[in-house]
Amino acid sequence: MTKYQFMRILESSLEKLSEEERKDILQDFEEHFILGKEEGKTEEEIADSLGSPRQIAKELLVNHRLEKVEATKTTGNVFRAVWAVIGLSFFNLVIVLGPFIGLIGAIAGGWVSGIAFIVSPLLLLVSTAIFSGTFQWFDLFFSFMLSGIGFFIVIGMYFATRGIINGFVRYLRFNIRLIKGGLKHD
């Protein structure tokens, strides 16, 4: 593969990055080719030593997505980072996707149950309005108790969601290091 082919494939694979970031990356690889030429290597040897431009782009996009998640932990950024990591290899499809779906289910279940408990007094009022003869004081006190428990669940879910997102981002970083060549001890 020639320098021109390598750079075109890399540039087209990095189209999701901003123009400035793409230019910086391409400039870095341009320097690799310049240094390799000074060492007497051919363009094909340099391109072979750098590896697949598509794989390089995937790894750069994963790092970019993880940096965005660490900067602003929004749901969209977390989903984009997970899909970018899964795109690195089939191994990640099995190892990352399963825990991610499980965590999403647990988080969603906790939030739904907490909110349902909080609105239980309103549901009692709706039930009483529809079926006027069914009101009991016990139901009212029980729904207030559930509402209080719901507030505790929602507060707990807020902190659990933050902790799970932070832990999952660390897990994604660990997974990337593992795929790139194992864990190296400094």
N, C-alpha and C. Protein backbone atom coordinates (compact mmCIF):
# COMPACT_ATOMS: atom_id res chain seq x y z
N MET A 1 0.85 -1.17 0.00
CA MET A 1 0.00 0.00 0.00
C MET A 1 0.90 1.24 0.00
N THR A 2 0.58 2.17 -0.85
CA THR A 2 1.38 3.39 -0.93
C THR A 2 0.95 4.38 0.14
N LYS A 3 1.73 5.41 0.29
CA LYS A 3 1.42 6.46 1.26
C LYS A 3 0.07 7.11 0.92
N TYR A 4 -0.14 7.39 -0.35
CA TYR A 4 -1.39 8.03 -0.77
C TYR A 4 -2.59 7.16 -0.42
N GLN A 5 -2.51 5.86 -0.70
CA GLN A 5 -3.61 4.95 -0.39
C GLN A 5 -3.85 4.88 1.12
N PHE A 6 -2.76 4.75 1.88
CA PHE A 6 -2.86 4.67 3.33
C PHE A 6 -3.54 5.91 3.89
N MET A 7 -3.09 7.08 3.45
CA MET A 7 -3.62 8.34 3.98
C MET A 7 -5.09 8.54 3.58
N ARG A 8 -5.48 8.15 2.39
CA ARG A 8 -6.87 8.30 1.94
C ARG A 8 -7.79 7.39 2.75
N ILE A 9 -7.36 6.15 2.95
CA ILE A 9 -8.19 5.22 3.74
C ILE A 9 -8.32 5.73 5.16
N LEU A 10 -7.21 6.18 5.74
CA LEU A 10 -7.23 6.70 7.11
C LEU A 10 -8.14 7.92 7.19
N GLU A 11 -8.01 8.82 6.24
CA GLU A 11 -8.83 10.04 6.27
C GLU A 11 -10.32 9.72 6.14
N SER A 12 -10.67 8.82 5.24
CA SER A 12 -12.09 8.48 5.07
C SER A 12 -12.63 7.74 6.29
N SER A 13 -11.77 6.98 6.97
CA SER A 13 -12.21 6.25 8.17
C SER A 13 -12.37 7.17 9.37
N LEU A 14 -11.77 8.34 9.32
CA LEU A 14 -11.84 9.29 10.44
C LEU A 14 -12.86 10.39 10.21
N GLU A 15 -13.78 10.21 9.29
CA GLU A 15 -14.71 11.27 8.93
C GLU A 15 -15.62 11.69 10.08
N LYS A 16 -15.76 10.86 11.11
CA LYS A 16 -16.62 11.21 12.25
C LYS A 16 -15.95 12.21 13.19
N LEU A 17 -14.66 12.41 13.05
CA LEU A 17 -13.94 13.37 13.87
C LEU A 17 -14.05 14.76 13.26
N SER A 18 -13.76 15.77 14.06
CA SER A 18 -13.78 17.14 13.55
C SER A 18 -12.62 17.33 12.56
N GLU A 19 -12.74 18.34 11.74
CA GLU A 19 -11.73 18.64 10.72
C GLU A 19 -10.36 18.87 11.36
N GLU A 20 -10.34 19.59 12.47
CA GLU A 20 -9.07 19.90 13.14
C GLU A 20 -8.39 18.64 13.68
N GLU A 21 -9.17 17.78 14.33
CA GLU A 21 -8.61 16.54 14.87
C GLU A 21 -8.11 15.64 13.75
N ARG A 22 -8.87 15.58 12.68
CA ARG A 22 -8.48 14.75 11.53
C ARG A 22 -7.17 15.25 10.94
N LYS A 23 -7.02 16.57 10.80
CA LYS A 23 -5.78 17.12 10.24
C LYS A 23 -4.58 16.82 11.14
N ASP A 24 -4.78 16.93 12.46
CA ASP A 24 -3.68 16.62 13.39
C ASP A 24 -3.24 15.17 13.26
N ILE A 25 -4.19 14.26 13.18
CA ILE A 25 -3.86 12.84 13.06
C ILE A 25 -3.15 12.56 11.74
N LEU A 26 -3.68 13.11 10.67
CA LEU A 26 -3.06 12.90 9.36
C LEU A 26 -1.65 13.49 9.32
N GLN A 27 -1.45 14.63 9.99
CA GLN A 27 -0.11 15.22 10.05
C GLN A 27 0.86 14.31 10.79
N ASP A 28 0.38 13.68 11.87
CA ASP A 28 1.22 12.74 12.62
C ASP A 28 1.65 11.57 11.73
N PHE A 29 0.73 11.03 10.96
CA PHE A 29 1.08 9.91 10.10
C PHE A 29 1.93 10.35 8.91
N GLU A 30 1.75 11.58 8.49
CA GLU A 30 2.61 12.14 7.45
C GLU A 30 4.06 12.16 7.95
N GLU A 31 4.24 12.52 9.21
CA GLU A 31 5.58 12.53 9.82
C GLU A 31 6.17 11.13 9.89
N HIS A 32 5.32 10.12 10.16
CA HIS A 32 5.81 8.74 10.16
C HIS A 32 6.41 8.38 8.79
N PHE A 33 5.72 8.79 7.75
CA PHE A 33 6.22 8.48 6.40
C PHE A 33 7.50 9.26 6.11
N ILE A 34 7.59 10.50 6.55
CA ILE A 34 8.81 11.30 6.34
C ILE A 34 9.99 10.67 7.07
N LEU A 35 9.78 10.30 8.34
CA LEU A 35 10.85 9.68 9.12
C LEU A 35 11.26 8.33 8.52
N GLY A 36 10.29 7.57 8.06
CA GLY A 36 10.60 6.29 7.44
C GLY A 36 11.39 6.44 6.15
N LYS A 37 11.07 7.45 5.36
CA LYS A 37 11.83 7.71 4.12
C LYS A 37 13.27 8.08 4.45
N GLU A 38 13.46 8.87 5.52
CA GLU A 38 14.80 9.26 5.93
C GLU A 38 15.62 8.05 6.37
N GLU A 39 14.94 7.02 6.89
CA GLU A 39 15.62 5.79 7.29
C GLU A 39 15.84 4.85 6.12
N GLY A 40 15.36 5.24 4.94
CA GLY A 40 15.58 4.44 3.74
C GLY A 40 14.50 3.41 3.46
N LYS A 41 13.38 3.50 4.11
CA LYS A 41 12.30 2.55 3.89
C LYS A 41 11.42 3.01 2.72
N THR A 42 10.77 2.06 2.09
CA THR A 42 9.84 2.39 1.02
C THR A 42 8.47 2.72 1.64
N GLU A 43 7.60 3.32 0.84
CA GLU A 43 6.26 3.66 1.33
C GLU A 43 5.50 2.42 1.76
N GLU A 44 5.68 1.32 1.03
CA GLU A 44 4.98 0.08 1.35
C GLU A 44 5.45 -0.49 2.69
N GLU A 45 6.76 -0.42 2.95
CA GLU A 45 7.30 -0.91 4.22
C GLU A 45 6.79 -0.07 5.39
N ILE A 46 6.74 1.23 5.18
CA ILE A 46 6.25 2.12 6.24
C ILE A 46 4.78 1.83 6.52
N ALA A 47 3.99 1.71 5.46
CA ALA A 47 2.55 1.44 5.63
C ALA A 47 2.33 0.11 6.32
N ASP A 48 3.11 -0.91 5.95
CA ASP A 48 3.00 -2.22 6.60
C ASP A 48 3.35 -2.14 8.08
N SER A 49 4.38 -1.37 8.41
CA SER A 49 4.80 -1.27 9.81
C SER A 49 3.78 -0.51 10.66
N LEU A 50 3.02 0.39 10.04
CA LEU A 50 2.01 1.15 10.79
C LEU A 50 0.76 0.30 11.05
N GLY A 51 0.47 -0.62 10.17
CA GLY A 51 -0.71 -1.47 10.34
C GLY A 51 -1.85 -1.02 9.45
N SER A 52 -3.00 -1.57 9.71
CA SER A 52 -4.19 -1.29 8.91
C SER A 52 -4.72 0.11 9.24
N PRO A 53 -4.91 0.96 8.24
CA PRO A 53 -5.44 2.30 8.52
C PRO A 53 -6.87 2.26 9.08
N ARG A 54 -7.65 1.27 8.69
CA ARG A 54 -9.01 1.16 9.22
C ARG A 54 -8.98 0.80 10.71
N GLN A 55 -8.08 -0.12 11.09
CA GLN A 55 -7.98 -0.50 12.50
C GLN A 55 -7.44 0.67 13.33
N ILE A 56 -6.48 1.40 12.78
CA ILE A 56 -5.95 2.58 13.46
C ILE A 56 -7.08 3.58 13.69
N ALA A 57 -7.91 3.80 12.67
CA ALA A 57 -9.02 4.74 12.78
C ALA A 57 -10.02 4.28 13.84
N LYS A 58 -10.31 2.97 13.88
CA LYS A 58 -11.23 2.46 14.90
C LYS A 58 -10.71 2.75 16.30
N GLU A 59 -9.42 2.49 16.52
CA GLU A 59 -8.84 2.72 17.84
C GLU A 59 -8.85 4.20 18.19
N LEU A 60 -8.56 5.05 17.22
CA LEU A 60 -8.59 6.50 17.47
C LEU A 60 -10.01 6.97 17.77
N LEU A 61 -11.00 6.44 17.07
CA LEU A 61 -12.38 6.81 17.33
C LEU A 61 -12.84 6.35 18.71
N VAL A 62 -12.41 5.15 19.13
CA VAL A 62 -12.75 4.67 20.46
C VAL A 62 -12.17 5.60 21.51
N ASN A 63 -10.90 5.96 21.36
CA ASN A 63 -10.29 6.88 22.32
C ASN A 63 -11.01 8.21 22.34
N HIS A 64 -11.39 8.71 21.18
CA HIS A 64 -12.12 9.97 21.08
C HIS A 64 -13.45 9.88 21.82
N ARG A 65 -14.19 8.79 21.58
CA ARG A 65 -15.49 8.61 22.24
C ARG A 65 -15.35 8.51 23.75
N LEU A 66 -14.33 7.79 24.22
CA LEU A 66 -14.13 7.66 25.67
C LEU A 66 -13.73 8.99 26.29
N GLU A 67 -12.95 9.79 25.60
CA GLU A 67 -12.61 11.12 26.11
C GLU A 67 -13.85 11.99 26.21
N LYS A 68 -14.77 11.87 25.25
CA LYS A 68 -16.01 12.63 25.31
C LYS A 68 -16.87 12.18 26.49
N VAL A 69 -16.90 10.88 26.76
CA VAL A 69 -17.67 10.38 27.90
C VAL A 69 -17.08 10.91 29.19
N GLU A 70 -15.76 10.91 29.30
CA GLU A 70 -15.13 11.39 30.52
C GLU A 70 -15.34 12.89 30.71
N ALA A 71 -15.44 13.63 29.60
CA ALA A 71 -15.67 15.07 29.69
C ALA A 71 -17.12 15.36 30.08
N THR A 72 -18.07 14.76 29.38
CA THR A 72 -19.49 14.94 29.67
C THR A 72 -20.17 13.59 29.62
N LYS A 73 -20.64 13.13 30.75
CA LYS A 73 -21.23 11.79 30.86
C LYS A 73 -22.72 11.85 30.53
N THR A 74 -23.02 11.97 29.25
CA THR A 74 -24.40 11.91 28.82
C THR A 74 -24.70 10.51 28.32
N THR A 75 -25.98 10.19 28.26
CA THR A 75 -26.39 8.86 27.80
C THR A 75 -25.93 8.61 26.37
N GLY A 76 -26.07 9.61 25.52
CA GLY A 76 -25.64 9.46 24.12
C GLY A 76 -24.16 9.19 24.01
N ASN A 77 -23.34 9.90 24.79
CA ASN A 77 -21.89 9.68 24.74
C ASN A 77 -21.52 8.28 25.22
N VAL A 78 -22.20 7.80 26.26
CA VAL A 78 -21.92 6.45 26.76
C VAL A 78 -22.27 5.41 25.70
N PHE A 79 -23.45 5.55 25.06
CA PHE A 79 -23.84 4.60 24.01
C PHE A 79 -22.86 4.63 22.84
N ARG A 80 -22.43 5.83 22.43
CA ARG A 80 -21.47 5.93 21.31
C ARG A 80 -20.14 5.27 21.67
N ALA A 81 -19.70 5.45 22.91
CA ALA A 81 -18.44 4.84 23.34
C ALA A 81 -18.55 3.32 23.35
N VAL A 82 -19.67 2.80 23.83
CA VAL A 82 -19.86 1.35 23.87
C VAL A 82 -19.84 0.79 22.45
N TRP A 83 -20.56 1.41 21.53
CA TRP A 83 -20.59 0.90 20.16
C TRP A 83 -19.23 1.02 19.49
N ALA A 84 -18.47 2.07 19.83
CA ALA A 84 -17.13 2.20 19.26
C ALA A 84 -16.23 1.07 19.76
N VAL A 85 -16.32 0.74 21.05
CA VAL A 85 -15.50 -0.35 21.61
C VAL A 85 -15.93 -1.69 21.02
N ILE A 86 -17.23 -1.90 20.87
CA ILE A 86 -17.71 -3.15 20.28
C ILE A 86 -17.19 -3.29 18.86
N GLY A 87 -17.07 -2.17 18.15
CA GLY A 87 -16.59 -2.21 16.78
C GLY A 87 -15.14 -2.64 16.63
N LEU A 88 -14.37 -2.66 17.72
CA LEU A 88 -12.97 -3.05 17.63
C LEU A 88 -12.80 -4.53 17.29
N SER A 89 -13.68 -5.38 17.79
CA SER A 89 -13.53 -6.80 17.48
C SER A 89 -14.81 -7.55 17.83
N PHE A 90 -14.93 -8.75 17.30
CA PHE A 90 -16.08 -9.60 17.60
C PHE A 90 -16.06 -10.01 19.07
N PHE A 91 -14.87 -10.17 19.62
CA PHE A 91 -14.72 -10.52 21.03
C PHE A 91 -15.48 -9.53 21.90
N ASN A 92 -15.41 -8.26 21.56
CA ASN A 92 -16.09 -7.23 22.34
C ASN A 92 -17.60 -7.32 22.22
N LEU A 93 -18.09 -7.82 21.11
CA LEU A 93 -19.53 -7.97 20.96
C LEU A 93 -20.07 -8.87 22.06
N VAL A 94 -19.33 -9.91 22.39
CA VAL A 94 -19.76 -10.85 23.41
C VAL A 94 -19.44 -10.33 24.81
N ILE A 95 -18.24 -9.79 24.99
CA ILE A 95 -17.77 -9.41 26.31
C ILE A 95 -18.35 -8.08 26.79
N VAL A 96 -18.56 -7.12 25.91
CA VAL A 96 -19.03 -5.80 26.32
C VAL A 96 -20.56 -5.69 26.25
N LEU A 97 -21.15 -6.23 25.21
CA LEU A 97 -22.57 -6.02 25.00
C LEU A 97 -23.42 -6.67 26.09
N GLY A 98 -23.09 -7.88 26.52
CA GLY A 98 -23.86 -8.56 27.56
C GLY A 98 -23.93 -7.78 28.86
N PRO A 99 -22.77 -7.42 29.45
CA PRO A 99 -22.82 -6.63 30.68
C PRO A 99 -23.51 -5.27 30.49
N PHE A 100 -23.33 -4.67 29.32
CA PHE A 100 -23.94 -3.37 29.07
C PHE A 100 -25.47 -3.48 29.08
N ILE A 101 -26.00 -4.50 28.41
CA ILE A 101 -27.46 -4.68 28.40
C ILE A 101 -27.97 -5.00 29.80
N GLY A 102 -27.24 -5.81 30.55
CA GLY A 102 -27.63 -6.12 31.92
C GLY A 102 -27.64 -4.88 32.81
N LEU A 103 -26.63 -4.05 32.68
CA LEU A 103 -26.58 -2.82 33.49
C LEU A 103 -27.69 -1.85 33.11
N ILE A 104 -27.95 -1.72 31.82
CA ILE A 104 -29.04 -0.84 31.38
C ILE A 104 -30.37 -1.33 31.94
N GLY A 105 -30.59 -2.65 31.92
CA GLY A 105 -31.82 -3.21 32.46
C GLY A 105 -31.96 -2.95 33.95
N ALA A 106 -30.87 -3.14 34.70
CA ALA A 106 -30.90 -2.91 36.15
C ALA A 106 -31.16 -1.44 36.47
N ILE A 107 -30.49 -0.56 35.74
CA ILE A 107 -30.68 0.88 35.98
C ILE A 107 -32.11 1.29 35.65
N ALA A 108 -32.61 0.84 34.49
CA ALA A 108 -33.97 1.20 34.10
C ALA A 108 -34.99 0.65 35.09
N GLY A 109 -34.80 -0.58 35.54
CA GLY A 109 -35.72 -1.17 36.51
C GLY A 109 -35.74 -0.41 37.82
N GLY A 110 -34.58 -0.01 38.29
CA GLY A 110 -34.51 0.77 39.53
C GLY A 110 -35.20 2.11 39.42
N TRP A 111 -34.96 2.80 38.31
CA TRP A 111 -35.60 4.11 38.12
C TRP A 111 -37.11 3.98 37.99
N VAL A 112 -37.57 2.99 37.22
CA VAL A 112 -39.01 2.81 37.03
C VAL A 112 -39.70 2.48 38.34
N SER A 113 -39.10 1.57 39.12
CA SER A 113 -39.73 1.21 40.40
C SER A 113 -39.74 2.39 41.37
N GLY A 114 -38.67 3.16 41.42
CA GLY A 114 -38.64 4.33 42.30
C GLY A 114 -39.68 5.36 41.93
N ILE A 115 -39.81 5.64 40.65
CA ILE A 115 -40.79 6.62 40.19
C ILE A 115 -42.22 6.10 40.40
N ALA A 116 -42.42 4.82 40.17
CA ALA A 116 -43.75 4.23 40.39
C ALA A 116 -44.15 4.33 41.86
N PHE A 117 -43.21 4.09 42.76
CA PHE A 117 -43.51 4.22 44.18
C PHE A 117 -43.85 5.67 44.52
N ILE A 118 -43.11 6.62 43.95
CA ILE A 118 -43.35 8.04 44.25
C ILE A 118 -44.75 8.47 43.83
N VAL A 119 -45.20 8.01 42.68
CA VAL A 119 -46.52 8.44 42.18
C VAL A 119 -47.67 7.58 42.70
N SER A 120 -47.40 6.65 43.60
CA SER A 120 -48.46 5.78 44.10
C SER A 120 -49.61 6.55 44.76
N PRO A 121 -49.39 7.65 45.51
CA PRO A 121 -50.56 8.39 46.02
C PRO A 121 -51.44 8.96 44.91
N LEU A 122 -50.82 9.40 43.81
CA LEU A 122 -51.60 9.92 42.69
C LEU A 122 -52.42 8.81 42.05
N LEU A 123 -51.82 7.63 41.94
CA LEU A 123 -52.55 6.50 41.38
C LEU A 123 -53.72 6.11 42.27
N LEU A 124 -53.56 6.24 43.58
CA LEU A 124 -54.66 5.96 44.50
C LEU A 124 -55.79 6.96 44.29
N LEU A 125 -55.44 8.23 44.09
CA LEU A 125 -56.47 9.24 43.84
C LEU A 125 -57.22 8.96 42.54
N VAL A 126 -56.51 8.57 41.51
CA VAL A 126 -57.15 8.22 40.24
C VAL A 126 -58.06 7.02 40.43
N SER A 127 -57.59 6.02 41.14
CA SER A 127 -58.39 4.82 41.40
C SER A 127 -59.66 5.18 42.19
N THR A 128 -59.53 6.07 43.17
CA THR A 128 -60.68 6.48 43.97
C THR A 128 -61.66 7.28 43.13
N ALA A 129 -61.16 8.10 42.21
CA ALA A 129 -62.05 8.89 41.36
C ALA A 129 -62.82 7.99 40.40
N ILE A 130 -62.17 6.94 39.90
CA ILE A 130 -62.84 6.04 38.96
C ILE A 130 -63.81 5.09 39.69
N PHE A 131 -63.32 4.51 40.78
CA PHE A 131 -64.14 3.58 41.56
C PHE A 131 -64.40 4.22 42.92
N SER A 132 -65.43 5.06 43.02
CA SER A 132 -65.64 5.92 44.19
C SER A 132 -65.88 5.16 45.49
N GLY A 133 -66.33 3.98 45.46
CA GLY A 133 -66.63 3.26 46.69
C GLY A 133 -65.48 2.44 47.23
N THR A 134 -64.28 2.57 46.67
CA THR A 134 -63.19 1.69 47.08
C THR A 134 -62.16 2.35 48.00
N PHE A 135 -62.37 3.60 48.41
CA PHE A 135 -61.36 4.30 49.22
C PHE A 135 -61.28 3.69 50.62
N GLN A 136 -60.02 3.47 51.06
CA GLN A 136 -59.77 3.02 52.43
C GLN A 136 -58.57 3.79 52.97
N TRP A 137 -58.63 4.11 54.25
CA TRP A 137 -57.55 4.90 54.85
C TRP A 137 -56.22 4.13 54.81
N PHE A 138 -56.31 2.83 54.96
CA PHE A 138 -55.09 2.02 54.92
C PHE A 138 -54.37 2.19 53.58
N ASP A 139 -55.14 2.21 52.49
CA ASP A 139 -54.53 2.39 51.16
C ASP A 139 -53.81 3.73 51.06
N LEU A 140 -54.41 4.77 51.63
CA LEU A 140 -53.79 6.10 51.59
C LEU A 140 -52.46 6.10 52.35
N PHE A 141 -52.44 5.58 53.55
CA PHE A 141 -51.21 5.55 54.34
C PHE A 141 -50.16 4.64 53.70
N PHE A 142 -50.61 3.52 53.15
CA PHE A 142 -49.67 2.61 52.49
C PHE A 142 -49.04 3.28 51.26
N SER A 143 -49.84 4.03 50.49
CA SER A 143 -49.29 4.71 49.31
C SER A 143 -48.31 5.80 49.72
N PHE A 144 -48.57 6.50 50.85
CA PHE A 144 -47.60 7.49 51.34
C PHE A 144 -46.29 6.82 51.77
N MET A 145 -46.40 5.64 52.38
CA MET A 145 -45.20 4.90 52.75
C MET A 145 -44.41 4.50 51.50
N LEU A 146 -45.12 4.00 50.49
CA LEU A 146 -44.45 3.63 49.24
C LEU A 146 -43.80 4.85 48.59
N SER A 147 -44.45 6.00 48.67
CA SER A 147 -43.89 7.22 48.09
C SER A 147 -42.58 7.59 48.79
N GLY A 148 -42.53 7.47 50.10
CA GLY A 148 -41.30 7.75 50.84
C GLY A 148 -40.19 6.78 50.46
N ILE A 149 -40.54 5.51 50.34
CA ILE A 149 -39.55 4.52 49.91
C ILE A 149 -39.08 4.84 48.49
N GLY A 150 -40.01 5.28 47.65
CA GLY A 150 -39.66 5.65 46.28
C GLY A 150 -38.63 6.77 46.22
N PHE A 151 -38.77 7.76 47.11
CA PHE A 151 -37.78 8.84 47.13
C PHE A 151 -36.39 8.29 47.47
N PHE A 152 -36.32 7.38 48.43
CA PHE A 152 -35.04 6.77 48.77
C PHE A 152 -34.48 5.95 47.60
N ILE A 153 -35.34 5.24 46.90
CA ILE A 153 -34.89 4.46 45.75
C ILE A 153 -34.35 5.37 44.66
N VAL A 154 -35.05 6.48 44.37
CA VAL A 154 -34.61 7.41 43.33
C VAL A 154 -33.27 8.05 43.71
N ILE A 155 -33.12 8.43 44.96
CA ILE A 155 -31.83 9.00 45.41
C ILE A 155 -30.72 7.96 45.26
N GLY A 156 -31.01 6.74 45.68
CA GLY A 156 -30.02 5.67 45.52
C GLY A 156 -29.70 5.38 44.07
N MET A 157 -30.72 5.42 43.22
CA MET A 157 -30.49 5.16 41.79
C MET A 157 -29.66 6.27 41.14
N TYR A 158 -29.82 7.49 41.62
CA TYR A 158 -29.01 8.58 41.08
C TYR A 158 -27.52 8.29 41.31
N PHE A 159 -27.19 7.95 42.55
CA PHE A 159 -25.79 7.67 42.86
C PHE A 159 -25.32 6.36 42.23
N ALA A 160 -26.21 5.36 42.18
CA ALA A 160 -25.84 4.10 41.54
C ALA A 160 -25.59 4.30 40.05
N THR A 161 -26.42 5.11 39.39
CA THR A 161 -26.23 5.37 37.96
C THR A 161 -24.91 6.06 37.70
N ARG A 162 -24.59 7.05 38.50
CA ARG A 162 -23.30 7.73 38.34
C ARG A 162 -22.15 6.76 38.55
N GLY A 163 -22.22 5.95 39.59
CA GLY A 163 -21.16 4.99 39.86
C GLY A 163 -21.02 3.93 38.77
N ILE A 164 -22.15 3.45 38.27
CA ILE A 164 -22.11 2.43 37.22
C ILE A 164 -21.52 3.01 35.94
N ILE A 165 -21.89 4.23 35.59
CA ILE A 165 -21.34 4.85 34.38
C ILE A 165 -19.83 5.02 34.53
N ASN A 166 -19.37 5.51 35.67
CA ASN A 166 -17.93 5.66 35.88
C ASN A 166 -17.21 4.32 35.82
N GLY A 167 -17.79 3.31 36.45
CA GLY A 167 -17.18 1.98 36.43
C GLY A 167 -17.17 1.38 35.04
N PHE A 168 -18.24 1.59 34.28
CA PHE A 168 -18.30 1.02 32.95
C PHE A 168 -17.31 1.70 32.01
N VAL A 169 -17.11 3.01 32.18
CA VAL A 169 -16.10 3.70 31.37
C VAL A 169 -14.71 3.15 31.69
N ARG A 170 -14.44 2.90 32.97
CA ARG A 170 -13.15 2.29 33.34
C ARG A 170 -13.02 0.89 32.74
N TYR A 171 -14.12 0.14 32.73
CA TYR A 171 -14.12 -1.18 32.13
C TYR A 171 -13.83 -1.10 30.63
N LEU A 172 -14.41 -0.13 29.95
CA LEU A 172 -14.16 0.04 28.51
C LEU A 172 -12.69 0.36 28.27
N ARG A 173 -12.10 1.23 29.09
CA ARG A 173 -10.68 1.55 28.96
C ARG A 173 -9.82 0.29 29.16
N PHE A 174 -10.14 -0.49 30.18
CA PHE A 174 -9.42 -1.74 30.44
C PHE A 174 -9.54 -2.67 29.24
N ASN A 175 -10.74 -2.77 28.68
CA ASN A 175 -10.99 -3.64 27.54
C ASN A 175 -10.17 -3.21 26.34
N ILE A 176 -10.06 -1.92 26.11
CA ILE A 176 -9.27 -1.41 24.98
C ILE A 176 -7.80 -1.75 25.18
N ARG A 177 -7.28 -1.54 26.39
CA ARG A 177 -5.87 -1.88 26.65
C ARG A 177 -5.63 -3.37 26.42
N LEU A 178 -6.58 -4.18 26.81
CA LEU A 178 -6.46 -5.63 26.66
C LEU A 178 -6.40 -6.00 25.17
N ILE A 179 -7.25 -5.39 24.37
CA ILE A 179 -7.30 -5.70 22.94
C ILE A 179 -6.05 -5.20 22.22
N LYS A 180 -5.52 -4.07 22.64
CA LYS A 180 -4.38 -3.48 21.95
C LYS A 180 -3.07 -4.24 22.21
N GLY A 181 -3.08 -5.21 23.04
CA GLY A 181 -1.84 -5.96 23.20
C GLY A 181 -1.61 -6.43 24.61
N GLY A 182 -2.64 -6.56 25.36
CA GLY A 182 -2.50 -7.07 26.71
C GLY A 182 -2.20 -5.97 27.68
N LEU A 183 -2.16 -6.35 28.93
CA LEU A 183 -1.89 -5.39 29.98
C LEU A 183 -0.39 -5.34 30.22
N LYS A 184 0.16 -4.16 30.16
CA LYS A 184 1.60 -3.99 30.36
C LYS A 184 1.82 -3.39 31.74
N HIS A 185 2.74 -3.93 32.44
CA HIS A 185 3.06 -3.42 33.76
C HIS A 185 4.18 -2.41 33.63
N ASP A 186 3.93 -1.19 34.14
CA ASP A 186 4.94 -0.13 34.03
C ASP A 186 6.02 -0.28 35.08
